[in-house]
C-alpha atoms as a PDB file:
ATOM      1  CA  MET A   1      16.588  93.845  -3.662  1.00  0.00           C
ATOM      2  CA  ALA A   2      18.927  91.487  -5.516  1.00  0.00           C
ATOM      3  CA  ILE A   3      17.998  90.576  -9.031  1.00  0.00           C
ATOM      4  CA  THR A   4      17.888  86.651  -9.680  1.00  0.00           C
ATOM      5  CA  GLN A   5      17.841  85.031 -13.035  1.00  0.00           C
ATOM      6  CA  PRO A   6      14.806  83.037 -13.857  1.00  0.00           C
ATOM      7  CA  SER A   7      15.073  79.264 -13.344  1.00  0.00           C
ATOM      8  CA  LYS A   8      16.732  77.276 -16.277  1.00  0.00           C
ATOM      9  CA  ARG A   9      14.256  74.315 -15.452  1.00  0.00           C
ATOM     10  CA  SER A  10      10.585  74.495 -16.767  1.00  0.00           C
ATOM     11  CA  LYS A  11       7.934  73.165 -14.885  1.00  0.00           C
ATOM     12  CA  THR A  12       7.497  70.309 -16.981  1.00  0.00           C
ATOM     13  CA  ASP A  13      11.256  69.150 -16.230  1.00  0.00           C
ATOM     14  CA  ALA A  14      10.622  69.778 -12.721  1.00  0.00           C
ATOM     15  CA  PHE A  15       7.747  67.683 -12.751  1.00  0.00           C
ATOM     16  CA  THR A  16       9.055  64.499 -14.504  1.00  0.00           C
ATOM     17  CA  ALA A  17      12.266  64.891 -12.651  1.00  0.00           C
ATOM     18  CA  GLU A  18      10.531  63.782  -9.485  1.00  0.00           C
ATOM     19  CA  ALA A  19       8.965  60.667 -11.127  1.00  0.00           C
ATOM     20  CA  PRO A  20      10.065  57.328  -9.624  1.00  0.00           C
ATOM     21  CA  ASP A  21      11.740  56.188 -13.158  1.00  0.00           C
ATOM     22  CA  ALA A  22      13.634  59.437 -13.798  1.00  0.00           C
ATOM     23  CA  GLN A  23      16.598  58.245 -11.541  1.00  0.00           C
ATOM     24  CA  ARG A  24      19.821  59.091 -13.258  1.00  0.00           C
ATOM     25  CA  THR A  25      21.866  56.398 -14.407  1.00  0.00           C
ATOM     26  CA  PRO A  26      25.470  56.071 -12.717  1.00  0.00           C
ATOM     27  CA  LYS A  27      28.189  57.303 -15.385  1.00  0.00           C
ATOM     28  CA  LEU A  28      30.241  54.500 -16.744  1.00  0.00           C
ATOM     29  CA  ARG A  29      33.783  54.132 -17.749  1.00  0.00           C
ATOM     30  CA  GLY A  30      33.723  52.375 -21.014  1.00  0.00           C
ATOM     31  CA  LYS A  31      31.468  49.555 -20.145  1.00  0.00           C
ATOM     32  CA  ARG A  32      32.490  49.466 -16.304  1.00  0.00           C
ATOM     33  CA  GLN A  33      30.795  50.903 -13.172  1.00  0.00           C
ATOM     34  CA  PRO A  34      32.534  52.323 -10.309  1.00  0.00           C
ATOM     35  CA  LEU A  35      32.186  50.131  -7.134  1.00  0.00           C
ATOM     36  CA  THR A  36      33.223  51.041  -3.622  1.00  0.00           C
ATOM     37  CA  PHE A  37      33.389  48.768  -0.491  1.00  0.00           C
ATOM     38  CA  THR A  38      35.521  47.951   2.340  1.00  0.00           C
ATOM     39  CA  LEU A  39      37.024  44.464   3.237  1.00  0.00           C
ATOM     40  CA  PRO A  40      38.741  42.949   6.439  1.00  0.00           C
ATOM     41  CA  PRO A  41      42.400  43.095   6.283  1.00  0.00           C
ATOM     42  CA  GLU A  42      42.912  39.138   5.813  1.00  0.00           C
ATOM     43  CA  ILE A  43      40.853  39.035   3.053  1.00  0.00           C
ATOM     44  CA  ILE A  44      42.605  41.967   1.053  1.00  0.00           C
ATOM     45  CA  ALA A  45      46.077  40.370   2.102  1.00  0.00           C
ATOM     46  CA  GLY A  46      44.808  37.203   0.513  1.00  0.00           C
ATOM     47  CA  VAL A  47      43.408  38.594  -2.601  1.00  0.00           C
ATOM     48  CA  ASP A  48      46.693  40.915  -2.970  1.00  0.00           C
ATOM     49  CA  ALA A  49      49.047  37.593  -2.429  1.00  0.00           C
ATOM     50  CA  VAL A  50      46.944  35.946  -5.414  1.00  0.00           C
ATOM     51  CA  ALA A  51      46.917  38.559  -7.400  1.00  0.00           C
ATOM     52  CA  ALA A  52      50.832  38.970  -7.010  1.00  0.00           C
ATOM     53  CA  ALA A  53      51.207  35.372  -7.787  1.00  0.00           C
ATOM     54  CA  GLU A  54      49.020  35.538 -10.960  1.00  0.00           C
ATOM     55  CA  LYS A  55      50.583  38.983 -12.032  1.00  0.00           C
ATOM     56  CA  ARG A  56      47.637  40.879 -11.735  1.00  0.00           C
ATOM     57  CA  SER A  57      46.123  44.014 -10.058  1.00  0.00           C
ATOM     58  CA  ARG A  58      43.940  43.946  -6.778  1.00  0.00           C
ATOM     59  CA  ALA A  59      40.974  44.798  -9.114  1.00  0.00           C
ATOM     60  CA  ASN A  60      41.541  42.690 -11.755  1.00  0.00           C
ATOM     61  CA  MET A  61      41.785  39.997  -9.136  1.00  0.00           C
ATOM     62  CA  ILE A  62      38.739  40.886  -7.677  1.00  0.00           C
ATOM     63  CA  GLU A  63      36.760  40.934 -10.758  1.00  0.00           C
ATOM     64  CA  ILE A  64      37.824  37.350 -11.607  1.00  0.00           C
ATOM     65  CA  ILE A  65      37.134  36.011  -8.292  1.00  0.00           C
ATOM     66  CA  LEU A  66      33.520  37.617  -8.254  1.00  0.00           C
ATOM     67  CA  GLY A  67      33.042  36.052 -11.999  1.00  0.00           C
ATOM     68  CA  GLN A  68      33.881  32.865 -11.162  1.00  0.00           C
ATOM     69  CA  TYR A  69      31.453  32.820  -7.804  1.00  0.00           C
ATOM     70  CA  LEU A  70      28.792  33.786  -9.961  1.00  0.00           C
ATOM     71  CA  GLU A  71      29.290  31.381 -12.852  1.00  0.00           C
ATOM     72  CA  ALA A  72      29.602  28.564 -10.241  1.00  0.00           C
ATOM     73  CA  ARG A  73      26.245  29.876  -8.844  1.00  0.00           C
ATOM     74  CA  GLN A  74      24.287  29.700 -11.848  1.00  0.00           C
ATOM     75  CA  ARG A  75      25.451  26.098 -12.460  1.00  0.00           C
ATOM     76  CA  ARG A  76      23.870  25.065  -8.824  1.00  0.00           C
ATOM     77  CA  PRO A  77      20.463  23.676  -9.614  1.00  0.00           C
ATOM     78  CA  ASP A  78      19.424  25.411  -6.252  1.00  0.00           C
ATOM     79  CA  ALA A  79      20.547  28.771  -7.548  1.00  0.00           C
ATOM     80  CA  ALA A  80      17.568  31.393  -7.529  1.00  0.00           C
END
């Protein structure tokens, strides 16, 4: 018969871990959160071309483009 060590988590910890609001927050790098997504090759080529012309990285260019889109959307009167 194998000897096992007792669980390090108490019953209270197990109970609270199952609560709906007990979800863990994602790990951040500084003030940034990693994001992974896929794009069609044409869009990537376009972003790369603009990034090269602006002497920026692809990630920085995507951040700028998304930021500009969100700012423009907030200025629209019909934005929800």
